[in-house]
C-alpha atoms as a PDB file:
ATOM      1  CA  UNK A   1      88.673  97.686 152.082  1.00  0.00           C
ATOM      2  CA  UNK A   2      85.866  99.230 150.062  1.00  0.00           C
ATOM      3  CA  UNK A   3      85.380  97.979 146.519  1.00  0.00           C
ATOM      4  CA  UNK A   4      82.496 100.261 145.661  1.00  0.00           C
ATOM      5  CA  UNK A   5      84.603 102.819 143.687  1.00  0.00           C
ATOM      6  CA  UNK A   6      86.139 100.084 141.566  1.00  0.00           C
ATOM      7  CA  UNK A   7      82.770  98.541 140.921  1.00  0.00           C
ATOM      8  CA  UNK A   8      81.356 101.933 139.993  1.00  0.00           C
ATOM      9  CA  UNK A   9      84.282 102.640 137.683  1.00  0.00           C
ATOM     10  CA  UNK A  10      83.999  99.233 135.989  1.00  0.00           C
ATOM     11  CA  UNK A  11      80.256  99.610 135.600  1.00  0.00           C
ATOM     12  CA  UNK A  12      80.706 103.068 134.105  1.00  0.00           C
ATOM     13  CA  UNK A  13      83.384 101.840 131.711  1.00  0.00           C
ATOM     14  CA  UNK A  14      81.262  98.852 130.698  1.00  0.00           C
ATOM     15  CA  UNK A  15      78.282 101.129 130.151  1.00  0.00           C
ATOM     16  CA  UNK A  16      80.328 103.429 127.912  1.00  0.00           C
ATOM     17  CA  UNK A  17      81.596 100.484 125.868  1.00  0.00           C
ATOM     18  CA  UNK A  18      78.065  99.163 125.424  1.00  0.00           C
ATOM     19  CA  UNK A  19      76.876 102.620 124.448  1.00  0.00           C
ATOM     20  CA  UNK A  20      79.608 102.923 121.805  1.00  0.00           C
ATOM     21  CA  UNK A  21      78.826  99.473 120.438  1.00  0.00           C
ATOM     22  CA  UNK A  22      75.132 100.326 120.320  1.00  0.00           C
ATOM     23  CA  UNK A  23      75.902 103.625 118.601  1.00  0.00           C
ATOM     24  CA  UNK A  24      77.936 101.832 115.911  1.00  0.00           C
ATOM     25  CA  UNK A  25      75.248  99.185 115.493  1.00  0.00           C
ATOM     26  CA  UNK A  26      72.498 101.757 115.116  1.00  0.00           C
ATOM     27  CA  UNK A  27      74.529 104.258 113.147  1.00  0.00           C
ATOM     28  CA  UNK A  28      73.237 102.984 109.822  1.00  0.00           C
ATOM     29  CA  UNK A  29      69.616 102.641 110.875  1.00  0.00           C
ATOM     30  CA  UNK A  30      68.808 106.144 112.149  1.00  0.00           C
ATOM     31  CA  UNK A  31      66.339 107.854 109.875  1.00  0.00           C
ATOM     32  CA  UNK A  32      67.587 110.923 108.110  1.00  0.00           C
ATOM     33  CA  UNK A  33      71.218 110.221 108.981  1.00  0.00           C
ATOM     34  CA  UNK A  34      74.160 108.874 107.017  1.00  0.00           C
ATOM     35  CA  UNK A  35      77.148 107.867 109.141  1.00  0.00           C
ATOM     36  CA  UNK A  36      80.449 107.432 107.306  1.00  0.00           C
ATOM     37  CA  UNK A  37      83.723 106.464 108.917  1.00  0.00           C
ATOM     38  CA  UNK A  38      86.402 109.134 108.852  1.00  0.00           C
ATOM     39  CA  UNK A  39      88.868 106.460 109.911  1.00  0.00           C
ATOM     40  CA  UNK A  40      88.687 104.655 106.542  1.00  0.00           C
ATOM     41  CA  UNK A  41      91.639 105.179 104.212  1.00  0.00           C
ATOM     42  CA  UNK A  42      90.023 105.379 100.756  1.00  0.00           C
ATOM     43  CA  UNK A  43      92.962 106.995  98.951  1.00  0.00           C
ATOM     44  CA  UNK A  44      95.274 104.253 100.185  1.00  0.00           C
ATOM     45  CA  UNK A  45      92.723 101.653  99.090  1.00  0.00           C
ATOM     46  CA  UNK A  46      92.367 103.157  95.604  1.00  0.00           C
ATOM     47  CA  UNK A  47      96.124 103.456  95.116  1.00  0.00           C
ATOM     48  CA  UNK A  48      96.812  99.970  96.405  1.00  0.00           C
ATOM     49  CA  UNK A  49      94.046  98.429  94.306  1.00  0.00           C
ATOM     50  CA  UNK A  50      95.007 100.174  91.082  1.00  0.00           C
ATOM     51  CA  UNK A  51      98.732  99.494  91.453  1.00  0.00           C
ATOM     52  CA  UNK A  52      98.403  95.829  92.438  1.00  0.00           C
ATOM     53  CA  UNK A  53      95.860  95.067  89.727  1.00  0.00           C
ATOM     54  CA  UNK A  54      98.043  96.730  87.110  1.00  0.00           C
ATOM     55  CA  UNK A  55     100.966  94.586  88.225  1.00  0.00           C
ATOM     56  CA  UNK A  56      99.076  91.312  87.796  1.00  0.00           C
ATOM     57  CA  UNK A  57      97.104  92.142  84.667  1.00  0.00           C
ATOM     58  CA  UNK A  58      99.751  94.003  82.670  1.00  0.00           C
ATOM     59  CA  UNK A  59     102.064  91.112  83.485  1.00  0.00           C
ATOM     60  CA  UNK A  60      99.412  88.785  82.042  1.00  0.00           C
ATOM     61  CA  UNK A  61      99.066  91.041  78.983  1.00  0.00           C
ATOM     62  CA  UNK A  62     102.718  91.420  78.061  1.00  0.00           C
ATOM     63  CA  UNK A  63     104.024  88.040  79.223  1.00  0.00           C
ATOM     64  CA  UNK A  64     101.323  86.005  77.486  1.00  0.00           C
ATOM     65  CA  UNK A  65     103.633  84.904  74.611  1.00  0.00           C
ATOM     66  CA  UNK A  66     105.847  83.046  77.084  1.00  0.00           C
ATOM     67  CA  UNK A  67     103.255  82.078  79.679  1.00  0.00           C
ATOM     68  CA  UNK A  68     100.963  79.045  79.413  1.00  0.00           C
ATOM     69  CA  UNK A  69      97.290  79.813  79.028  1.00  0.00           C
ATOM     70  CA  UNK A  70      96.513  78.891  82.622  1.00  0.00           C
ATOM     71  CA  UNK A  71      99.195  81.311  83.802  1.00  0.00           C
ATOM     72  CA  UNK A  72      97.620  84.230  81.936  1.00  0.00           C
ATOM     73  CA  UNK A  73      94.198  83.272  83.296  1.00  0.00           C
ATOM     74  CA  UNK A  74      95.554  83.018  86.839  1.00  0.00           C
ATOM     75  CA  UNK A  75      97.140  86.472  86.708  1.00  0.00           C
ATOM     76  CA  UNK A  76      93.940  87.886  85.210  1.00  0.00           C
ATOM     77  CA  UNK A  77      91.778  86.492  88.009  1.00  0.00           C
ATOM     78  CA  UNK A  78      94.255  87.525  90.688  1.00  0.00           C
ATOM     79  CA  UNK A  79      93.956  91.075  89.387  1.00  0.00           C
ATOM     80  CA  UNK A  80      90.176  90.823  89.626  1.00  0.00           C
ATOM     81  CA  UNK A  81      90.360  89.794  93.288  1.00  0.00           C
ATOM     82  CA  UNK A  82      92.496  92.763  94.340  1.00  0.00           C
ATOM     83  CA  UNK A  83      89.644  95.153  95.371  1.00  0.00           C
ATOM     84  CA  UNK A  84      88.278  92.589  97.807  1.00  0.00           C
ATOM     85  CA  UNK A  85      91.729  91.650  99.090  1.00  0.00           C
ATOM     86  CA  UNK A  86      92.691  95.306  99.622  1.00  0.00           C
ATOM     87  CA  UNK A  87      89.438  96.137 101.413  1.00  0.00           C
ATOM     88  CA  UNK A  88      89.717  93.091 103.672  1.00  0.00           C
ATOM     89  CA  UNK A  89      93.368  93.779 104.469  1.00  0.00           C
ATOM     90  CA  UNK A  90      92.685  97.376 105.484  1.00  0.00           C
ATOM     91  CA  UNK A  91      89.561  96.416 107.419  1.00  0.00           C
ATOM     92  CA  UNK A  92      91.276  93.643 109.377  1.00  0.00           C
ATOM     93  CA  UNK A  93      94.656  95.243 110.048  1.00  0.00           C
ATOM     94  CA  UNK A  94      93.751  98.930 110.316  1.00  0.00           C
ATOM     95  CA  UNK A  95      90.305  98.986 111.909  1.00  0.00           C
ATOM     96  CA  UNK A  96      88.843  97.779 115.164  1.00  0.00           C
ATOM     97  CA  UNK A  97      86.076  95.248 115.654  1.00  0.00           C
ATOM     98  CA  UNK A  98      83.161  97.703 115.499  1.00  0.00           C
ATOM     99  CA  UNK A  99      84.240  98.886 112.050  1.00  0.00           C
ATOM    100  CA  UNK A 100      84.746  95.289 110.929  1.00  0.00           C
ATOM    101  CA  UNK A 101      81.273  94.243 112.076  1.00  0.00           C
ATOM    102  CA  UNK A 102      79.726  97.196 110.265  1.00  0.00           C
ATOM    103  CA  UNK A 103      81.677  96.331 107.096  1.00  0.00           C
ATOM    104  CA  UNK A 104      80.347  92.750 107.042  1.00  0.00           C
ATOM    105  CA  UNK A 105      76.836  93.680 108.125  1.00  0.00           C
ATOM    106  CA  UNK A 106      76.450  96.032 105.160  1.00  0.00           C
ATOM    107  CA  UNK A 107      77.463  93.193 102.838  1.00  0.00           C
ATOM    108  CA  UNK A 108      75.008  90.540 104.039  1.00  0.00           C
ATOM    109  CA  UNK A 109      72.010  92.422 105.453  1.00  0.00           C
ATOM    110  CA  UNK A 110      69.096  92.030 103.027  1.00  0.00           C
ATOM    111  CA  UNK A 111      66.761  94.053 105.248  1.00  0.00           C
ATOM    112  CA  UNK A 112      68.539  97.326 104.497  1.00  0.00           C
ATOM    113  CA  UNK A 113      67.037  97.222 100.994  1.00  0.00           C
ATOM    114  CA  UNK A 114      63.341  98.050 100.718  1.00  0.00           C
ATOM    115  CA  UNK A 115      61.164  96.446  98.003  1.00  0.00           C
ATOM    116  CA  UNK A 116      61.191  99.655  95.976  1.00  0.00           C
ATOM    117  CA  UNK A 117      64.978  99.723  95.868  1.00  0.00           C
ATOM    118  CA  UNK A 118      65.099  96.051  94.924  1.00  0.00           C
ATOM    119  CA  UNK A 119      62.962  97.051  91.938  1.00  0.00           C
ATOM    120  CA  UNK A 120      65.422  99.813  91.012  1.00  0.00           C
ATOM    121  CA  UNK A 121      68.368  97.438  91.374  1.00  0.00           C
ATOM    122  CA  UNK A 122      66.938  94.683  89.188  1.00  0.00           C
ATOM    123  CA  UNK A 123      65.002  96.737  86.618  1.00  0.00           C
ATOM    124  CA  UNK A 124      67.329  99.621  85.726  1.00  0.00           C
ATOM    125  CA  UNK A 125      69.670  97.691  83.413  1.00  0.00           C
ATOM    126  CA  UNK A 126      67.031  95.666  81.515  1.00  0.00           C
ATOM    127  CA  UNK A 127      64.784  98.711  81.053  1.00  0.00           C
ATOM    128  CA  UNK A 128      67.663 100.894  79.851  1.00  0.00           C
ATOM    129  CA  UNK A 129      68.939  98.277  77.388  1.00  0.00           C
ATOM    130  CA  UNK A 130      65.414  97.355  76.332  1.00  0.00           C
ATOM    131  CA  UNK A 131      64.551 100.959  75.526  1.00  0.00           C
ATOM    132  CA  UNK A 132      67.817 101.399  73.619  1.00  0.00           C
ATOM    133  CA  UNK A 133      67.082  98.316  71.540  1.00  0.00           C
ATOM    134  CA  UNK A 134      63.467  99.355  70.985  1.00  0.00           C
ATOM    135  CA  UNK A 135      64.404 102.828  69.722  1.00  0.00           C
ATOM    136  CA  UNK A 136      66.996 101.344  67.387  1.00  0.00           C
ATOM    137  CA  UNK A 137      64.464  98.804  66.096  1.00  0.00           C
ATOM    138  CA  UNK A 138      61.844 101.507  65.483  1.00  0.00           C
ATOM    139  CA  UNK A 139      64.450 103.390  63.467  1.00  0.00           C
ATOM    140  CA  UNK A 140      65.007 100.340  61.265  1.00  0.00           C
ATOM    141  CA  UNK A 141      67.932  98.778  63.126  1.00  0.00           C
ATOM    142  CA  UNK A 142      68.495  95.352  64.592  1.00  0.00           C
ATOM    143  CA  UNK A 143      67.749  96.391  68.167  1.00  0.00           C
ATOM    144  CA  UNK A 144      68.653  93.596  70.575  1.00  0.00           C
ATOM    145  CA  UNK A 145      70.110  90.212  69.692  1.00  0.00           C
ATOM    146  CA  UNK A 146      70.050  87.194  71.970  1.00  0.00           C
ATOM    147  CA  UNK A 147      73.487  85.964  72.962  1.00  0.00           C
ATOM    148  CA  UNK A 148      73.795  83.815  76.078  1.00  0.00           C
ATOM    149  CA  UNK A 149      70.016  83.995  76.424  1.00  0.00           C
ATOM    150  CA  UNK A 150      69.686  81.931  73.237  1.00  0.00           C
ATOM    151  CA  UNK A 151      71.965  79.242  74.682  1.00  0.00           C
ATOM    152  CA  UNK A 152      69.880  79.111  77.845  1.00  0.00           C
ATOM    153  CA  UNK A 153      66.724  78.521  75.821  1.00  0.00           C
ATOM    154  CA  UNK A 154      68.369  75.461  74.298  1.00  0.00           C
ATOM    155  CA  UNK A 155      70.233  74.385  77.470  1.00  0.00           C
ATOM    156  CA  UNK A 156      68.421  75.826  80.515  1.00  0.00           C
ATOM    157  CA  UNK A 157      70.624  73.921  82.972  1.00  0.00           C
ATOM    158  CA  UNK A 158      73.484  76.247  82.042  1.00  0.00           C
ATOM    159  CA  UNK A 159      71.708  79.199  83.651  1.00  0.00           C
ATOM    160  CA  UNK A 160      72.456  78.470  87.315  1.00  0.00           C
ATOM    161  CA  UNK A 161      76.233  77.866  87.091  1.00  0.00           C
ATOM    162  CA  UNK A 162      76.614  80.775  84.664  1.00  0.00           C
ATOM    163  CA  UNK A 163      74.775  83.194  86.941  1.00  0.00           C
ATOM    164  CA  UNK A 164      76.843  81.979  89.885  1.00  0.00           C
ATOM    165  CA  UNK A 165      80.035  82.587  87.920  1.00  0.00           C
ATOM    166  CA  UNK A 166      78.925  86.112  86.953  1.00  0.00           C
ATOM    167  CA  UNK A 167      78.212  86.862  90.609  1.00  0.00           C
ATOM    168  CA  UNK A 168      81.515  85.556  91.970  1.00  0.00           C
ATOM    169  CA  UNK A 169      83.786  87.069  89.308  1.00  0.00           C
ATOM    170  CA  UNK A 170      82.917  90.735  89.238  1.00  0.00           C
ATOM    171  CA  UNK A 171      80.339  91.980  91.749  1.00  0.00           C
ATOM    172  CA  UNK A 172      81.472  90.052  94.842  1.00  0.00           C
ATOM    173  CA  UNK A 173      85.232  90.755  94.562  1.00  0.00           C
ATOM    174  CA  UNK A 174      84.721  94.384  93.541  1.00  0.00           C
ATOM    175  CA  UNK A 175      81.871  96.026  95.442  1.00  0.00           C
ATOM    176  CA  UNK A 176      83.083  95.478  99.034  1.00  0.00           C
ATOM    177  CA  UNK A 177      86.085  97.534  97.950  1.00  0.00           C
ATOM    178  CA  UNK A 178      84.680 100.178  95.596  1.00  0.00           C
ATOM    179  CA  UNK A 179      81.496 100.943  97.498  1.00  0.00           C
ATOM    180  CA  UNK A 180      81.806  99.203 100.862  1.00  0.00           C
ATOM    181  CA  UNK A 181      85.209 100.692 101.690  1.00  0.00           C
ATOM    182  CA  UNK A 182      86.325 103.473  99.319  1.00  0.00           C
ATOM    183  CA  UNK A 183      83.014 105.231  98.660  1.00  0.00           C
ATOM    184  CA  UNK A 184      81.991 105.018 102.287  1.00  0.00           C
ATOM    185  CA  UNK A 185      85.230 106.602 103.455  1.00  0.00           C
ATOM    186  CA  UNK A 186      85.274 109.304 100.782  1.00  0.00           C
ATOM    187  CA  UNK A 187      81.781 110.471 101.688  1.00  0.00           C
ATOM    188  CA  UNK A 188      82.995 111.309 105.189  1.00  0.00           C
ATOM    189  CA  UNK A 189      85.198 113.931 103.553  1.00  0.00           C
ATOM    190  CA  UNK A 190      83.388 115.139 100.426  1.00  0.00           C
ATOM    191  CA  UNK A 191      80.000 115.237  98.716  1.00  0.00           C
ATOM    192  CA  UNK A 192      78.367 112.112  97.366  1.00  0.00           C
ATOM    193  CA  UNK A 193      78.732 113.369  93.805  1.00  0.00           C
ATOM    194  CA  UNK A 194      82.453 114.108  93.975  1.00  0.00           C
ATOM    195  CA  UNK A 195      83.083 110.837  95.835  1.00  0.00           C
ATOM    196  CA  UNK A 196      81.159 109.000  93.111  1.00  0.00           C
ATOM    197  CA  UNK A 197      83.203 110.512  90.297  1.00  0.00           C
ATOM    198  CA  UNK A 198      86.481 109.839  92.099  1.00  0.00           C
ATOM    199  CA  UNK A 199      85.614 106.177  92.607  1.00  0.00           C
ATOM    200  CA  UNK A 200      84.196 106.004  89.078  1.00  0.00           C
ATOM    201  CA  UNK A 201      87.362 107.319  87.425  1.00  0.00           C
ATOM    202  CA  UNK A 202      89.599 104.899  89.322  1.00  0.00           C
ATOM    203  CA  UNK A 203      87.132 102.054  88.733  1.00  0.00           C
ATOM    204  CA  UNK A 204      87.161 102.830  85.020  1.00  0.00           C
ATOM    205  CA  UNK A 205      90.967 102.968  84.843  1.00  0.00           C
ATOM    206  CA  UNK A 206      91.106  99.731  86.834  1.00  0.00           C
ATOM    207  CA  UNK A 207      89.564  97.969  83.804  1.00  0.00           C
ATOM    208  CA  UNK A 208      92.166  99.324  81.384  1.00  0.00           C
ATOM    209  CA  UNK A 209      94.581  96.322  81.450  1.00  0.00           C
ATOM    210  CA  UNK A 210      91.752  94.056  80.255  1.00  0.00           C
ATOM    211  CA  UNK A 211      92.018  95.670  76.822  1.00  0.00           C
ATOM    212  CA  UNK A 212      95.548  94.263  76.507  1.00  0.00           C
ATOM    213  CA  UNK A 213      94.898  90.685  77.668  1.00  0.00           C
ATOM    214  CA  UNK A 214      94.140  88.301  74.771  1.00  0.00           C
ATOM    215  CA  UNK A 215      90.897  86.418  75.192  1.00  0.00           C
ATOM    216  CA  UNK A 216      89.047  88.989  77.291  1.00  0.00           C
ATOM    217  CA  UNK A 217      85.785  90.511  76.095  1.00  0.00           C
ATOM    218  CA  UNK A 218      87.352  93.954  76.306  1.00  0.00           C
ATOM    219  CA  UNK A 219      90.265  93.024  74.058  1.00  0.00           C
ATOM    220  CA  UNK A 220      88.300  90.873  71.621  1.00  0.00           C
ATOM    221  CA  UNK A 221      84.916  92.547  71.305  1.00  0.00           C
ATOM    222  CA  UNK A 222      85.447  96.162  72.336  1.00  0.00           C
ATOM    223  CA  UNK A 223      89.003  97.114  71.425  1.00  0.00           C
ATOM    224  CA  UNK A 224      91.228  99.877  72.727  1.00  0.00           C
ATOM    225  CA  UNK A 225      90.303 103.399  71.563  1.00  0.00           C
ATOM    226  CA  UNK A 226      87.151 102.408  69.679  1.00  0.00           C
ATOM    227  CA  UNK A 227      83.729 103.991  70.049  1.00  0.00           C
ATOM    228  CA  UNK A 228      82.680 101.084  72.226  1.00  0.00           C
ATOM    229  CA  UNK A 229      85.784 101.629  74.365  1.00  0.00           C
ATOM    230  CA  UNK A 230      84.769 105.188  75.187  1.00  0.00           C
ATOM    231  CA  UNK A 231      81.157 104.190  75.816  1.00  0.00           C
ATOM    232  CA  UNK A 232      82.401 101.477  78.159  1.00  0.00           C
ATOM    233  CA  UNK A 233      84.828 103.653  80.130  1.00  0.00           C
ATOM    234  CA  UNK A 234      82.564 106.720  80.385  1.00  0.00           C
ATOM    235  CA  UNK A 235      79.535 104.646  81.353  1.00  0.00           C
ATOM    236  CA  UNK A 236      81.490 103.218  84.293  1.00  0.00           C
ATOM    237  CA  UNK A 237      82.284 106.746  85.500  1.00  0.00           C
ATOM    238  CA  UNK A 238      78.712 107.991  85.038  1.00  0.00           C
ATOM    239  CA  UNK A 239      76.973 105.022  86.583  1.00  0.00           C
ATOM    240  CA  UNK A 240      79.177 105.258  89.668  1.00  0.00           C
ATOM    241  CA  UNK A 241      76.735 108.046  90.584  1.00  0.00           C
ATOM    242  CA  UNK A 242      73.845 105.592  90.382  1.00  0.00           C
ATOM    243  CA  UNK A 243      75.717 103.137  92.607  1.00  0.00           C
ATOM    244  CA  UNK A 244      76.120 105.876  95.233  1.00  0.00           C
ATOM    245  CA  UNK A 245      72.474 106.862  94.885  1.00  0.00           C
ATOM    246  CA  UNK A 246      71.397 103.287  95.556  1.00  0.00           C
ATOM    247  CA  UNK A 247      74.019 102.750  98.270  1.00  0.00           C
ATOM    248  CA  UNK A 248      73.031 105.832 100.263  1.00  0.00           C
ATOM    249  CA  UNK A 249      69.308 105.195  99.922  1.00  0.00           C
ATOM    250  CA  UNK A 250      69.618 101.590 101.130  1.00  0.00           C
ATOM    251  CA  UNK A 251      71.320 102.394 104.431  1.00  0.00           C
ATOM    252  CA  UNK A 252      74.839 102.097 102.993  1.00  0.00           C
ATOM    253  CA  UNK A 253      74.145  98.617 101.680  1.00  0.00           C
ATOM    254  CA  UNK A 254      77.140  97.028  99.989  1.00  0.00           C
ATOM    255  CA  UNK A 255      74.849  94.153  99.092  1.00  0.00           C
ATOM    256  CA  UNK A 256      72.710  96.550  97.044  1.00  0.00           C
ATOM    257  CA  UNK A 257      75.808  97.533  95.054  1.00  0.00           C
ATOM    258  CA  UNK A 258      76.696  93.870  94.504  1.00  0.00           C
ATOM    259  CA  UNK A 259      73.218  93.103  93.157  1.00  0.00           C
ATOM    260  CA  UNK A 260      73.159  96.223  90.966  1.00  0.00           C
ATOM    261  CA  UNK A 261      76.558  95.312  89.505  1.00  0.00           C
ATOM    262  CA  UNK A 262      75.441  91.724  88.950  1.00  0.00           C
ATOM    263  CA  UNK A 263      72.264  92.782  87.141  1.00  0.00           C
ATOM    264  CA  UNK A 264      74.151  95.112  84.818  1.00  0.00           C
ATOM    265  CA  UNK A 265      76.700  92.438  83.944  1.00  0.00           C
ATOM    266  CA  UNK A 266      74.016  89.798  83.408  1.00  0.00           C
ATOM    267  CA  UNK A 267      71.992  91.975  81.022  1.00  0.00           C
ATOM    268  CA  UNK A 268      75.141  92.772  79.067  1.00  0.00           C
ATOM    269  CA  UNK A 269      76.027  89.105  78.778  1.00  0.00           C
ATOM    270  CA  UNK A 270      72.534  87.912  77.897  1.00  0.00           C
ATOM    271  CA  UNK A 271      71.723  90.450  75.188  1.00  0.00           C
ATOM    272  CA  UNK A 272      73.787  92.185  72.522  1.00  0.00           C
ATOM    273  CA  UNK A 273      72.979  95.701  71.311  1.00  0.00           C
ATOM    274  CA  UNK A 274      73.598  96.983  67.816  1.00  0.00           C
ATOM    275  CA  UNK A 275      76.138  99.843  67.472  1.00  0.00           C
ATOM    276  CA  UNK A 276      73.368 102.422  67.199  1.00  0.00           C
ATOM    277  CA  UNK A 277      71.515 100.895  70.152  1.00  0.00           C
ATOM    278  CA  UNK A 278      74.717 101.264  72.181  1.00  0.00           C
ATOM    279  CA  UNK A 279      74.563 104.996  71.470  1.00  0.00           C
ATOM    280  CA  UNK A 280      71.055 105.124  72.880  1.00  0.00           C
ATOM    281  CA  UNK A 281      72.075 102.951  75.822  1.00  0.00           C
ATOM    282  CA  UNK A 282      74.830 105.445  76.634  1.00  0.00           C
ATOM    283  CA  UNK A 283      72.461 108.400  76.307  1.00  0.00           C
ATOM    284  CA  UNK A 284      69.854 106.764  78.537  1.00  0.00           C
ATOM    285  CA  UNK A 285      72.518 106.128  81.190  1.00  0.00           C
ATOM    286  CA  UNK A 286      73.552 109.788  80.999  1.00  0.00           C
ATOM    287  CA  UNK A 287      69.915 110.865  81.275  1.00  0.00           C
ATOM    288  CA  UNK A 288      69.411 108.652  84.339  1.00  0.00           C
ATOM    289  CA  UNK A 289      72.444 110.176  86.059  1.00  0.00           C
ATOM    290  CA  UNK A 290      71.334 113.743  85.275  1.00  0.00           C
ATOM    291  CA  UNK A 291      67.820 112.969  86.522  1.00  0.00           C
ATOM    292  CA  UNK A 292      69.106 111.516  89.801  1.00  0.00           C
ATOM    293  CA  UNK A 293      71.374 114.502  90.437  1.00  0.00           C
ATOM    294  CA  UNK A 294      68.548 116.931  89.634  1.00  0.00           C
ATOM    295  CA  UNK A 295      66.032 115.219  91.921  1.00  0.00           C
ATOM    296  CA  UNK A 296      68.269 114.198  94.824  1.00  0.00           C
ATOM    297  CA  UNK A 297      71.012 116.828  94.893  1.00  0.00           C
ATOM    298  CA  UNK A 298      74.772 116.442  94.995  1.00  0.00           C
ATOM    299  CA  UNK A 299      75.528 116.363  98.720  1.00  0.00           C
ATOM    300  CA  UNK A 300      74.116 112.915  99.625  1.00  0.00           C
ATOM    301  CA  UNK A 301      72.065 111.894  96.537  1.00  0.00           C
ATOM    302  CA  UNK A 302      69.161 111.321  98.917  1.00  0.00           C
ATOM    303  CA  UNK A 303      66.052 113.249  99.886  1.00  0.00           C
ATOM    304  CA  UNK A 304      66.457 114.785 103.301  1.00  0.00           C
ATOM    305  CA  UNK A 305      69.275 112.631 104.660  1.00  0.00           C
ATOM    306  CA  UNK A 306      72.255 114.416 106.131  1.00  0.00           C
ATOM    307  CA  UNK A 307      75.763 113.273 106.907  1.00  0.00           C
ATOM    308  CA  UNK A 308      76.129 113.075 110.667  1.00  0.00           C
ATOM    309  CA  UNK A 309      79.405 113.544 112.551  1.00  0.00           C
ATOM    310  CA  UNK A 310      81.797 111.027 110.944  1.00  0.00           C
ATOM    311  CA  UNK A 311      82.668 107.968 112.984  1.00  0.00           C
ATOM    312  CA  UNK A 312      86.257 107.825 114.122  1.00  0.00           C
ATOM    313  CA  UNK A 313      88.221 104.898 115.421  1.00  0.00           C
ATOM    314  CA  UNK A 314      88.370 104.741 119.230  1.00  0.00           C
END
């Protein structure tokens, strides 16, 4: 009995599988190409994340008179973990191994980010806030006040655990969902700009329950419906464009989004702006977004890169 046809068929099938795996592996490294997965379910992710977070955090907000303090804190942190949990659940149970490998690779691969983009990631927030404080100071205001930064000068050993906490509670649980899953899937269907605003609006609304939970910065320092509230919510929507700009120009790097988020949070925690400086901070953020859109266009927020045929699940 001849086995040559079977061997040929198996070899052909194996070759096709290797070719598909290689295509997925290289799909984010081809120059001038952006490959987004059409198989992702971003609308489901956004709905699931918003609904589940609202359940936990509004429960913490309205049940706090009868709950112990640790119970309110637990519900609050559970709500904060929902974007990561939703993204992981969809990735593991809905997608095949090639998609899963790509999802994790984009989160841990430092080499996707060039030195110039590392500079953008780490310098945008301090430069923006620094300029806002400087303008306010030149106009006779207070400018910037040291907050946590002053504590670190007196107790420098606090810096490492505090930075670690800021990284783990915020950027790490959020960005694999907002950018790594939702944004990536939306861009297979729509322009980078419209995908950015869609994620930005949901991301902004996702923070809303925090204004009702006693003890949070949003409830204690910002307040619902205040000027700072609107600056906070609108800045989230606007700067979602900058996240996409960085994400697309760093080979769809979720890690880049994590670091950008971390830097913004750290600057906000370390330094406090006067009310007038917050106006300038908001205006500088708006100017940055307008500049990026003007220079890079709305389709991909990159120079010259095009969206290739979306990747579908086998």
